[in-house]
Every structure is written in C-alpha cells, then in structure tokens.
Amino acid sequence: MSADGNFRRIGIVGVGLIGGSLAFAVRRVFPDAAVIGIDGDDVTLVARQLGALTVGSRDLSALAEADLVVLAAPVRQNIAVLSQLGGILRGPALITDVGSTKRATLEASRCLPPNLTFIGGHPLAGSARGGLEASRADLFERRPWLLTPDAATPAAAQARLVAFVRAVGATPVVIDPAFHDHVLAYTSHLPQLAASALMHVVGESVGEPGLRLSGSGLADTTRVAASPAPIWSDICGTNADEVLPALDRLIGTLQTLREQLARDESIAPLFESAQRWRARVK
C-alpha cells in the first residue's frame, strides 16, 4: 500500500456539503481517479453535471471496486452503511468517515472483514448552509482534519490517509477517539445546542416583529442554528455521555449568572473570563 494518498476509485457516501466538497477537491487534485457518489438520484445527477462525480448511484453496490470509501452521511447512517460494506467491497480498501463523533462509528467498524481498514476522520470545516449547492473544492484548505486511528490501525493505512488529507488541502491531526469526543462535546456540540436553544427562545419570545429589530449580535451568536436538525440529532445522540456533562456545566453557569443578577451582584468576572478565553480562539 503506497503512502502517496492517490487512490484509484474513491467512493463517497452522502454527497452533501462535506461529501460534495470532497468530491470537487478530489477531482481537482486527482483528475484520473474515479469518484463514485452514493446519494439520491436528484443529488447525484446534479453532482455529475457539475463535474464532482464520475459515477452516481443510490445503490451501495456501485462501490464494489473502490479502494477508498468516505462515509459522509449523518453518523447513524454511516454506522448502518459500515455493516453492509463487508459484503460489497471486493478487494482491500480503506474506509473513513467525516462524522463529528468517533467512538460509536469506530465500535461499529469492528464488524469489518480483514481486507477492510477503518480509520475515523473529522474535517473541521463547514458552513451554516448544508447540501451540495453549498459545497466547494477549497472547503478544506488549511483546515484541521482530525484522524482517530486505534491501536490496531496498520501504519501504512494511516500514512496513506494522512497523505490523502494533505492532498485535498487540509492539515491532518491524529488524536485519540475518546479525546476527540470529549473535546468536541465542548467546542462543537455544546455551542450548537446553546445557539439552537437561544434562537428558539428568542424567536418564540419576540416573534417576527422582534427579529426585525435585532442586530448583528444575534445573527453572529446563532449562525449555526441554521444547521440541519437530523445531522445534529445523530451527533448528540452518539455522544450523549460527553454532551450531558457539558450541558450541565453551561446550565450551572447560567443559573449562577441569574442568581448574581437577582442579587444585584457584579457579573463582570464571567465577562472577563470569557474575554480571556475568546482571545485564544483562532
């Protein structure tokens, strides 16, 4: 197995924002590779017309000859696909995913036969808008792409996936799957839940007339509240043991803030702490 990141037939299951952007990036970097997209007929037709795919199908059997398969559907759909790939892929192949949680998918990969190697992946790139129409070839440029191999991962397979990630413009970062899920619970999943809850409360409280009077602060704070619900239901559901303590800490902080306001105490320390930490966000 070479470590040049160049695969002959690349399958992408789920041709949305991430899957579509990856297809465009692959077509740009590896123009001779076949890119097989698995999604609904309407999506794959458009993706082929745009030049993102060489083959489009709704049937997983189209992946039979693939040597790399990227699972880019919601997390629980990726897990369901994993259980079928052992009976579909004919030769040695590398399988990865782009999901925002890693432990559940890694555990599901234990069912794969010896000719298939799974390495979890998570590009830290995205957009508030989803779908193929928002995809672009440069989405991953200079963005971290987290890789979560385990102790059984062959070094050659890991090296090849690292090279592939670099080839599409991203920066590979190898971390432990459990550490990934713990950190992302705070840096991604909790902010999503907080923004969605905030937008729900504001919208239900002031309605359309009030929203017309809102400034950029609300728009900036709740940008990710436009994210698709099914994707986030899967993410939070497969990382609940990490998300629940994160929510408890946020709820506790908000409760303390409420009590301080009720007692007319200074809330400056919270703002000062937030300012210090915000300055470290890149």
C-alpha atoms as a PDB file:
ATOM      1  CA  MET A   1       0.000   0.000   0.000  1.00  0.00           C
ATOM      2  CA  SER A   2       1.584   3.269  -1.077  1.00  0.00           C
ATOM      3  CA  ALA A   3       1.603   6.365   1.109  1.00  0.00           C
ATOM      4  CA  ASP A   4       1.036   8.911  -1.659  1.00  0.00           C
ATOM      5  CA  GLY A   5      -2.644   9.458  -0.946  1.00  0.00           C
ATOM      6  CA  ASN A   6      -3.546   8.613  -4.524  1.00  0.00           C
ATOM      7  CA  PHE A   7      -6.488   6.218  -4.767  1.00  0.00           C
ATOM      8  CA  ARG A   8      -7.830   4.720  -7.984  1.00  0.00           C
ATOM      9  CA  ARG A   9     -11.557   4.560  -7.157  1.00  0.00           C
ATOM     10  CA  ILE A  10     -12.974   6.754  -4.382  1.00  0.00           C
ATOM     11  CA  GLY A  11     -16.481   6.229  -3.072  1.00  0.00           C
ATOM     12  CA  ILE A  12     -18.319   8.983  -1.194  1.00  0.00           C
ATOM     13  CA  VAL A  13     -21.496   8.015   0.644  1.00  0.00           C
ATOM     14  CA  GLY A  14     -23.523  11.186   1.071  1.00  0.00           C
ATOM     15  CA  VAL A  15     -22.954  13.997  -1.430  1.00  0.00           C
ATOM     16  CA  GLY A  16     -23.871  16.988   0.716  1.00  0.00           C
ATOM     17  CA  LEU A  17     -21.722  19.884   1.870  1.00  0.00           C
ATOM     18  CA  ILE A  18     -18.761  17.789   3.063  1.00  0.00           C
ATOM     19  CA  GLY A  19     -19.124  14.897   0.624  1.00  0.00           C
ATOM     20  CA  GLY A  20     -19.676  17.222  -2.323  1.00  0.00           C
ATOM     21  CA  SER A  21     -16.754  19.457  -1.364  1.00  0.00           C
ATOM     22  CA  LEU A  22     -14.522  16.403  -1.039  1.00  0.00           C
ATOM     23  CA  ALA A  23     -15.621  15.186  -4.465  1.00  0.00           C
ATOM     24  CA  PHE A  24     -14.742  18.551  -6.019  1.00  0.00           C
ATOM     25  CA  ALA A  25     -11.383  18.585  -4.214  1.00  0.00           C
ATOM     26  CA  VAL A  26     -10.549  15.058  -5.352  1.00  0.00           C
ATOM     27  CA  ARG A  27     -11.458  15.824  -8.944  1.00  0.00           C
ATOM     28  CA  ARG A  28      -9.137  18.837  -8.819  1.00  0.00           C
ATOM     29  CA  VAL A  29      -6.187  17.030  -7.206  1.00  0.00           C
ATOM     30  CA  PHE A  30      -6.588  13.542  -8.696  1.00  0.00           C
ATOM     31  CA  PRO A  31      -8.256  14.098 -12.091  1.00  0.00           C
ATOM     32  CA  ASP A  32      -7.649  10.488 -13.184  1.00  0.00           C
ATOM     33  CA  ALA A  33      -9.405   8.947 -10.174  1.00  0.00           C
ATOM     34  CA  ALA A  34     -12.955   7.675 -10.456  1.00  0.00           C
ATOM     35  CA  VAL A  35     -15.245   9.348  -7.898  1.00  0.00           C
ATOM     36  CA  ILE A  36     -18.380   7.347  -7.111  1.00  0.00           C
ATOM     37  CA  GLY A  37     -21.094   9.209  -5.205  1.00  0.00           C
ATOM     38  CA  ILE A  38     -23.875   7.421  -3.341  1.00  0.00           C
ATOM     39  CA  ASP A  39     -26.972   9.518  -2.685  1.00  0.00           C
ATOM     40  CA  GLY A  40     -30.427  10.155  -4.122  1.00  0.00           C
ATOM     41  CA  ASP A  41     -30.780  10.272  -7.889  1.00  0.00           C
ATOM     42  CA  ASP A  42     -31.527  14.000  -7.902  1.00  0.00           C
ATOM     43  CA  VAL A  43     -28.362  14.788  -5.938  1.00  0.00           C
ATOM     44  CA  THR A  44     -26.001  12.563  -7.910  1.00  0.00           C
ATOM     45  CA  LEU A  45     -27.402  13.820 -11.216  1.00  0.00           C
ATOM     46  CA  VAL A  46     -26.579  17.414 -10.311  1.00  0.00           C
ATOM     47  CA  ALA A  47     -23.177  16.393  -8.900  1.00  0.00           C
ATOM     48  CA  ARG A  48     -22.309  14.666 -12.165  1.00  0.00           C
ATOM     49  CA  GLN A  49     -23.454  17.646 -14.197  1.00  0.00           C
ATOM     50  CA  LEU A  50     -21.221  19.893 -12.085  1.00  0.00           C
ATOM     51  CA  GLY A  51     -18.260  17.587 -12.580  1.00  0.00           C
ATOM     52  CA  ALA A  52     -17.961  16.477  -8.962  1.00  0.00           C
ATOM     53  CA  LEU A  53     -18.635  12.794  -9.709  1.00  0.00           C
ATOM     54  CA  THR A  54     -17.721  10.371 -12.433  1.00  0.00           C
ATOM     55  CA  VAL A  55     -20.354   7.874 -11.268  1.00  0.00           C
ATOM     56  CA  GLY A  56     -23.535   8.498  -9.307  1.00  0.00           C
ATOM     57  CA  SER A  57     -25.791   5.853  -7.789  1.00  0.00           C
ATOM     58  CA  ARG A  58     -28.243   5.276  -4.979  1.00  0.00           C
ATOM     59  CA  ASP A  59     -27.001   1.674  -4.642  1.00  0.00           C
ATOM     60  CA  LEU A  60     -24.013   0.814  -2.436  1.00  0.00           C
ATOM     61  CA  SER A  61     -23.053  -1.962  -4.852  1.00  0.00           C
ATOM     62  CA  ALA A  62     -21.534   0.754  -7.074  1.00  0.00           C
ATOM     63  CA  LEU A  63     -18.688   0.855  -4.527  1.00  0.00           C
ATOM     64  CA  ALA A  64     -17.619  -2.742  -5.183  1.00  0.00           C
ATOM     65  CA  GLU A  65     -14.235  -1.841  -6.743  1.00  0.00           C
ATOM     66  CA  ALA A  66     -13.463   1.198  -4.568  1.00  0.00           C
ATOM     67  CA  ASP A  67     -10.134   1.334  -2.753  1.00  0.00           C
ATOM     68  CA  LEU A  68     -11.207   4.286  -0.573  1.00  0.00           C
ATOM     69  CA  VAL A  69     -14.708   4.831   0.826  1.00  0.00           C
ATOM     70  CA  VAL A  70     -15.592   8.045   2.671  1.00  0.00           C
ATOM     71  CA  LEU A  71     -18.760   7.940   4.760  1.00  0.00           C
ATOM     72  CA  ALA A  72     -20.209  11.466   4.624  1.00  0.00           C
ATOM     73  CA  ALA A  73     -23.808  10.845   5.710  1.00  0.00           C
ATOM     74  CA  PRO A  74     -25.188  11.551   9.213  1.00  0.00           C
ATOM     75  CA  VAL A  75     -23.422   9.462  11.880  1.00  0.00           C
ATOM     76  CA  ARG A  76     -26.066   6.769  12.372  1.00  0.00           C
ATOM     77  CA  GLN A  77     -26.442   6.329   8.610  1.00  0.00           C
ATOM     78  CA  ASN A  78     -22.675   5.893   8.373  1.00  0.00           C
ATOM     79  CA  ILE A  79     -22.865   3.189  11.020  1.00  0.00           C
ATOM     80  CA  ALA A  80     -25.602   1.406   9.086  1.00  0.00           C
ATOM     81  CA  VAL A  81     -23.541   1.558   5.889  1.00  0.00           C
ATOM     82  CA  LEU A  82     -20.498   0.113   7.662  1.00  0.00           C
ATOM     83  CA  SER A  83     -22.428  -3.051   8.441  1.00  0.00           C
ATOM     84  CA  GLN A  84     -23.024  -3.592   4.701  1.00  0.00           C
ATOM     85  CA  LEU A  85     -19.626  -2.780   3.231  1.00  0.00           C
ATOM     86  CA  GLY A  86     -18.050  -6.109   4.156  1.00  0.00           C
ATOM     87  CA  GLY A  87     -20.298  -7.866   1.674  1.00  0.00           C
ATOM     88  CA  ILE A  88     -19.855  -5.229  -1.056  1.00  0.00           C
ATOM     89  CA  LEU A  89     -16.181  -4.219  -1.331  1.00  0.00           C
ATOM     90  CA  ARG A  90     -14.293  -6.904  -3.260  1.00  0.00           C
ATOM     91  CA  GLY A  91     -10.659  -6.012  -2.676  1.00  0.00           C
ATOM     92  CA  PRO A  92      -8.547  -4.393   0.031  1.00  0.00           C
ATOM     93  CA  ALA A  93      -9.943  -0.959   0.816  1.00  0.00           C
ATOM     94  CA  LEU A  94      -9.586   1.865   3.301  1.00  0.00           C
ATOM     95  CA  ILE A  95     -12.755   3.252   4.875  1.00  0.00           C
ATOM     96  CA  THR A  96     -13.011   6.560   6.695  1.00  0.00           C
ATOM     97  CA  ASP A  97     -15.778   8.939   7.724  1.00  0.00           C
ATOM     98  CA  VAL A  98     -16.270  12.648   8.337  1.00  0.00           C
ATOM     99  CA  GLY A  99     -18.600  12.440  11.324  1.00  0.00           C
ATOM    100  CA  SER A 100     -18.473  14.697  14.379  1.00  0.00           C
ATOM    101  CA  THR A 101     -18.377  11.763  16.814  1.00  0.00           C
ATOM    102  CA  LYS A 102     -15.916   8.911  16.612  1.00  0.00           C
ATOM    103  CA  ARG A 103     -16.376   6.215  19.265  1.00  0.00           C
ATOM    104  CA  ALA A 104     -19.705   4.814  18.052  1.00  0.00           C
ATOM    105  CA  THR A 105     -18.548   4.554  14.437  1.00  0.00           C
ATOM    106  CA  LEU A 106     -15.222   3.007  15.463  1.00  0.00           C
ATOM    107  CA  GLU A 107     -17.065   0.403  17.505  1.00  0.00           C
ATOM    108  CA  ALA A 108     -19.336  -0.393  14.539  1.00  0.00           C
ATOM    109  CA  SER A 109     -16.262  -0.877  12.341  1.00  0.00           C
ATOM    110  CA  ARG A 110     -15.252  -3.926  14.396  1.00  0.00           C
ATOM    111  CA  CYS A 111     -17.553  -5.976  12.157  1.00  0.00           C
ATOM    112  CA  LEU A 112     -15.469  -5.336   9.039  1.00  0.00           C
ATOM    113  CA  PRO A 113     -13.551  -8.240   7.457  1.00  0.00           C
ATOM    114  CA  PRO A 114      -9.716  -8.226   7.449  1.00  0.00           C
ATOM    115  CA  ASN A 115      -9.449  -6.822   3.899  1.00  0.00           C
ATOM    116  CA  LEU A 116     -11.093  -3.558   5.039  1.00  0.00           C
ATOM    117  CA  THR A 117      -9.432  -0.996   7.307  1.00  0.00           C
ATOM    118  CA  PHE A 118     -11.400   1.751   9.048  1.00  0.00           C
ATOM    119  CA  ILE A 119      -9.849   4.990  10.322  1.00  0.00           C
ATOM    120  CA  GLY A 120     -12.150   7.640  11.734  1.00  0.00           C
ATOM    121  CA  GLY A 121     -11.909  11.170  10.383  1.00  0.00           C
ATOM    122  CA  HIS A 122     -13.430  14.577  11.033  1.00  0.00           C
ATOM    123  CA  PRO A 123     -12.607  17.650   8.928  1.00  0.00           C
ATOM    124  CA  LEU A 124     -13.081  20.823  10.955  1.00  0.00           C
ATOM    125  CA  ALA A 125     -14.599  22.661   8.040  1.00  0.00           C
ATOM    126  CA  GLY A 126     -18.153  23.514   7.231  1.00  0.00           C
ATOM    127  CA  SER A 127     -20.808  26.115   6.683  1.00  0.00           C
ATOM    128  CA  ALA A 128     -24.097  27.136   8.220  1.00  0.00           C
ATOM    129  CA  ARG A 129     -25.617  26.103   4.893  1.00  0.00           C
ATOM    130  CA  GLY A 130     -25.753  22.426   4.032  1.00  0.00           C
ATOM    131  CA  GLY A 131     -26.237  20.447   0.859  1.00  0.00           C
ATOM    132  CA  LEU A 132     -24.435  20.010  -2.425  1.00  0.00           C
ATOM    133  CA  GLU A 133     -25.236  23.561  -3.503  1.00  0.00           C
ATOM    134  CA  ALA A 134     -23.014  24.920  -0.698  1.00  0.00           C
ATOM    135  CA  SER A 135     -20.050  22.645  -1.480  1.00  0.00           C
ATOM    136  CA  ARG A 136     -16.783  23.921  -2.894  1.00  0.00           C
ATOM    137  CA  ALA A 137     -13.369  22.477  -3.721  1.00  0.00           C
ATOM    138  CA  ASP A 138     -11.449  24.698  -1.309  1.00  0.00           C
ATOM    139  CA  LEU A 139     -13.570  23.972   1.786  1.00  0.00           C
ATOM    140  CA  PHE A 140     -10.755  22.041   3.467  1.00  0.00           C
ATOM    141  CA  GLU A 141      -7.876  24.376   2.600  1.00  0.00           C
ATOM    142  CA  ARG A 142      -5.659  24.869   5.676  1.00  0.00           C
ATOM    143  CA  ARG A 143      -8.334  23.431   7.951  1.00  0.00           C
ATOM    144  CA  PRO A 144      -7.598  20.725  10.557  1.00  0.00           C
ATOM    145  CA  TRP A 145      -8.729  17.229   9.595  1.00  0.00           C
ATOM    146  CA  LEU A 146      -8.839  15.061  12.710  1.00  0.00           C
ATOM    147  CA  LEU A 147      -7.914  11.379  12.289  1.00  0.00           C
ATOM    148  CA  THR A 148      -8.698   8.854  15.018  1.00  0.00           C
ATOM    149  CA  PRO A 149      -6.885   5.548  14.446  1.00  0.00           C
ATOM    150  CA  ASP A 150      -6.743   2.978  17.213  1.00  0.00           C
ATOM    151  CA  ALA A 151      -4.059   0.544  18.362  1.00  0.00           C
ATOM    152  CA  ALA A 152      -4.958  -1.971  15.626  1.00  0.00           C
ATOM    153  CA  THR A 153      -4.667   0.500  12.723  1.00  0.00           C
ATOM    154  CA  PRO A 154      -1.937  -0.507  10.249  1.00  0.00           C
ATOM    155  CA  ALA A 155       0.748   2.175   9.980  1.00  0.00           C
ATOM    156  CA  ALA A 156       0.701   2.024   6.173  1.00  0.00           C
ATOM    157  CA  ALA A 157      -3.050   2.669   6.033  1.00  0.00           C
ATOM    158  CA  GLN A 158      -2.731   5.611   8.400  1.00  0.00           C
ATOM    159  CA  ALA A 159       0.132   7.081   6.356  1.00  0.00           C
ATOM    160  CA  ARG A 160      -1.870   6.786   3.159  1.00  0.00           C
ATOM    161  CA  LEU A 161      -4.911   8.513   4.651  1.00  0.00           C
ATOM    162  CA  VAL A 162      -2.712  11.268   6.082  1.00  0.00           C
ATOM    163  CA  ALA A 163      -1.277  11.832   2.590  1.00  0.00           C
ATOM    164  CA  PHE A 164      -4.776  11.930   1.079  1.00  0.00           C
ATOM    165  CA  VAL A 165      -5.943  14.516   3.616  1.00  0.00           C
ATOM    166  CA  ARG A 166      -2.918  16.683   2.850  1.00  0.00           C
ATOM    167  CA  ALA A 167      -3.538  16.319  -0.876  1.00  0.00           C
ATOM    168  CA  VAL A 168      -7.039  17.818  -0.613  1.00  0.00           C
ATOM    169  CA  GLY A 169      -5.600  20.826   1.233  1.00  0.00           C
ATOM    170  CA  ALA A 170      -6.299  20.006   4.876  1.00  0.00           C
ATOM    171  CA  THR A 171      -3.939  19.617   7.824  1.00  0.00           C
ATOM    172  CA  PRO A 172      -4.107  16.109   9.338  1.00  0.00           C
ATOM    173  CA  VAL A 173      -4.143  15.893  13.157  1.00  0.00           C
ATOM    174  CA  VAL A 174      -4.025  12.430  14.745  1.00  0.00           C
ATOM    175  CA  ILE A 175      -5.833  12.160  18.108  1.00  0.00           C
ATOM    176  CA  ASP A 176      -7.427   9.534  20.331  1.00  0.00           C
ATOM    177  CA  PRO A 177     -11.118   8.775  19.529  1.00  0.00           C
ATOM    178  CA  ALA A 178     -12.283   9.225  23.146  1.00  0.00           C
ATOM    179  CA  PHE A 179     -10.371  12.503  23.488  1.00  0.00           C
ATOM    180  CA  HIS A 180     -11.963  13.668  20.226  1.00  0.00           C
ATOM    181  CA  ASP A 181     -15.472  13.068  21.530  1.00  0.00           C
ATOM    182  CA  HIS A 182     -14.725  14.766  24.861  1.00  0.00           C
ATOM    183  CA  VAL A 183     -13.230  17.902  23.308  1.00  0.00           C
ATOM    184  CA  LEU A 184     -15.827  18.206  20.525  1.00  0.00           C
ATOM    185  CA  ALA A 185     -18.626  17.949  23.087  1.00  0.00           C
ATOM    186  CA  TYR A 186     -17.435  21.324  24.418  1.00  0.00           C
ATOM    187  CA  THR A 187     -16.067  23.017  21.301  1.00  0.00           C
ATOM    188  CA  SER A 188     -18.757  21.985  18.800  1.00  0.00           C
ATOM    189  CA  HIS A 189     -21.739  20.095  20.198  1.00  0.00           C
ATOM    190  CA  LEU A 190     -22.402  22.373  23.190  1.00  0.00           C
ATOM    191  CA  PRO A 191     -22.136  25.581  21.103  1.00  0.00           C
ATOM    192  CA  GLN A 192     -24.594  24.101  18.605  1.00  0.00           C
ATOM    193  CA  LEU A 193     -27.100  23.233  21.316  1.00  0.00           C
ATOM    194  CA  ALA A 194     -26.650  26.600  23.018  1.00  0.00           C
ATOM    195  CA  ALA A 195     -27.119  28.535  19.760  1.00  0.00           C
ATOM    196  CA  SER A 196     -30.176  26.485  18.792  1.00  0.00           C
ATOM    197  CA  ALA A 197     -31.739  26.867  22.233  1.00  0.00           C
ATOM    198  CA  LEU A 198     -31.028  30.607  22.219  1.00  0.00           C
ATOM    199  CA  MET A 199     -32.565  31.072  18.774  1.00  0.00           C
ATOM    200  CA  HIS A 200     -35.614  29.062  19.845  1.00  0.00           C
ATOM    201  CA  VAL A 201     -36.137  31.170  22.973  1.00  0.00           C
ATOM    202  CA  VAL A 202     -35.641  34.479  21.158  1.00  0.00           C
ATOM    203  CA  GLY A 203     -37.882  33.538  18.250  1.00  0.00           C
ATOM    204  CA  GLU A 204     -40.662  32.216  20.469  1.00  0.00           C
ATOM    205  CA  SER A 205     -40.433  35.275  22.739  1.00  0.00           C
ATOM    206  CA  VAL A 206     -40.329  38.185  20.269  1.00  0.00           C
ATOM    207  CA  GLY A 207     -41.516  36.636  17.005  1.00  0.00           C
ATOM    208  CA  GLU A 208     -41.002  38.106  13.565  1.00  0.00           C
ATOM    209  CA  PRO A 209     -41.558  41.743  14.612  1.00  0.00           C
ATOM    210  CA  GLY A 210     -38.848  41.499  17.260  1.00  0.00           C
ATOM    211  CA  LEU A 211     -36.408  39.696  14.992  1.00  0.00           C
ATOM    212  CA  ARG A 212     -36.648  42.559  12.511  1.00  0.00           C
ATOM    213  CA  LEU A 213     -35.217  44.798  15.242  1.00  0.00           C
ATOM    214  CA  SER A 214     -32.262  42.512  16.060  1.00  0.00           C
ATOM    215  CA  GLY A 215     -28.678  43.492  15.341  1.00  0.00           C
ATOM    216  CA  SER A 216     -25.594  41.613  14.244  1.00  0.00           C
ATOM    217  CA  GLY A 217     -25.013  40.203  17.727  1.00  0.00           C
ATOM    218  CA  LEU A 218     -27.946  37.815  17.455  1.00  0.00           C
ATOM    219  CA  ALA A 219     -27.014  36.806  13.906  1.00  0.00           C
ATOM    220  CA  ASP A 220     -23.379  36.160  14.841  1.00  0.00           C
ATOM    221  CA  THR A 221     -24.220  34.250  18.017  1.00  0.00           C
ATOM    222  CA  THR A 222     -26.822  31.998  16.402  1.00  0.00           C
ATOM    223  CA  ARG A 223     -25.234  31.399  12.975  1.00  0.00           C
ATOM    224  CA  VAL A 224     -25.017  27.625  13.497  1.00  0.00           C
ATOM    225  CA  ALA A 225     -28.694  27.456  14.498  1.00  0.00           C
ATOM    226  CA  ALA A 226     -29.389  27.159  10.757  1.00  0.00           C
ATOM    227  CA  SER A 227     -27.715  23.728  10.731  1.00  0.00           C
ATOM    228  CA  PRO A 228     -29.853  20.692   9.706  1.00  0.00           C
ATOM    229  CA  ALA A 229     -31.634  19.028  12.615  1.00  0.00           C
ATOM    230  CA  PRO A 230     -31.170  15.353  11.534  1.00  0.00           C
ATOM    231  CA  ILE A 231     -27.381  15.679  11.465  1.00  0.00           C
ATOM    232  CA  TRP A 232     -27.242  17.141  14.956  1.00  0.00           C
ATOM    233  CA  SER A 233     -29.679  14.625  16.389  1.00  0.00           C
ATOM    234  CA  ASP A 234     -27.247  11.892  15.349  1.00  0.00           C
ATOM    235  CA  ILE A 235     -24.189  13.757  16.628  1.00  0.00           C
ATOM    236  CA  CYS A 236     -25.627  14.453  20.063  1.00  0.00           C
ATOM    237  CA  GLY A 237     -27.226  11.027  20.324  1.00  0.00           C
ATOM    238  CA  THR A 238     -23.921   9.239  19.705  1.00  0.00           C
ATOM    239  CA  ASN A 239     -22.014  11.450  22.163  1.00  0.00           C
ATOM    240  CA  ALA A 240     -24.625  11.918  24.883  1.00  0.00           C
ATOM    241  CA  ASP A 241     -22.342  10.758  27.711  1.00  0.00           C
ATOM    242  CA  GLU A 242     -20.000  13.669  26.922  1.00  0.00           C
ATOM    243  CA  VAL A 243     -22.631  16.221  25.906  1.00  0.00           C
ATOM    244  CA  LEU A 244     -24.734  15.861  29.061  1.00  0.00           C
ATOM    245  CA  PRO A 245     -21.955  16.975  31.471  1.00  0.00           C
ATOM    246  CA  ALA A 246     -21.141  19.841  29.102  1.00  0.00           C
ATOM    247  CA  LEU A 247     -24.787  20.949  29.199  1.00  0.00           C
ATOM    248  CA  ASP A 248     -24.801  20.640  32.998  1.00  0.00           C
ATOM    249  CA  ARG A 249     -21.807  22.982  33.257  1.00  0.00           C
ATOM    250  CA  LEU A 250     -23.445  25.542  30.969  1.00  0.00           C
ATOM    251  CA  ILE A 251     -26.755  25.333  32.810  1.00  0.00           C
ATOM    252  CA  GLY A 252     -24.925  25.733  36.123  1.00  0.00           C
ATOM    253  CA  THR A 253     -23.085  28.807  34.860  1.00  0.00           C
ATOM    254  CA  LEU A 254     -26.309  30.361  33.572  1.00  0.00           C
ATOM    255  CA  GLN A 255     -28.023  29.624  36.903  1.00  0.00           C
ATOM    256  CA  THR A 256     -25.166  31.311  38.778  1.00  0.00           C
ATOM    257  CA  LEU A 257     -25.411  34.289  36.441  1.00  0.00           C
ATOM    258  CA  ARG A 258     -29.137  34.503  37.083  1.00  0.00           C
ATOM    259  CA  GLU A 259     -28.632  34.426  40.853  1.00  0.00           C
ATOM    260  CA  GLN A 260     -25.970  37.142  40.676  1.00  0.00           C
ATOM    261  CA  LEU A 261     -28.271  39.381  38.652  1.00  0.00           C
ATOM    262  CA  ALA A 262     -31.145  38.752  41.071  1.00  0.00           C
ATOM    263  CA  ARG A 263     -28.901  39.809  43.973  1.00  0.00           C
ATOM    264  CA  ASP A 264     -27.533  42.778  42.010  1.00  0.00           C
ATOM    265  CA  GLU A 265     -24.022  41.344  42.248  1.00  0.00           C
ATOM    266  CA  SER A 266     -21.298  42.036  39.702  1.00  0.00           C
ATOM    267  CA  ILE A 267     -21.252  39.738  36.684  1.00  0.00           C
ATOM    268  CA  ALA A 268     -18.000  41.234  35.432  1.00  0.00           C
ATOM    269  CA  PRO A 269     -15.837  38.196  36.365  1.00  0.00           C
ATOM    270  CA  LEU A 270     -17.759  35.990  33.918  1.00  0.00           C
ATOM    271  CA  PHE A 271     -17.334  38.500  31.094  1.00  0.00           C
ATOM    272  CA  GLU A 272     -13.640  38.933  31.896  1.00  0.00           C
ATOM    273  CA  SER A 273     -13.061  35.182  31.866  1.00  0.00           C
ATOM    274  CA  ALA A 274     -14.987  34.862  28.603  1.00  0.00           C
ATOM    275  CA  GLN A 275     -12.935  37.637  27.025  1.00  0.00           C
ATOM    276  CA  ARG A 276      -9.654  35.955  28.018  1.00  0.00           C
ATOM    277  CA  TRP A 277     -10.675  32.598  26.566  1.00  0.00           C
ATOM    278  CA  ARG A 278     -12.219  34.127  23.456  1.00  0.00           C
ATOM    279  CA  ALA A 279      -8.889  35.778  22.644  1.00  0.00           C
ATOM    280  CA  ARG A 280      -7.372  32.291  22.360  1.00  0.00           C
ATOM    281  CA  VAL A 281      -9.892  31.057  19.786  1.00  0.00           C
ATOM    282  CA  LYS A 282      -8.380  31.006  16.312  1.00  0.00           C
END
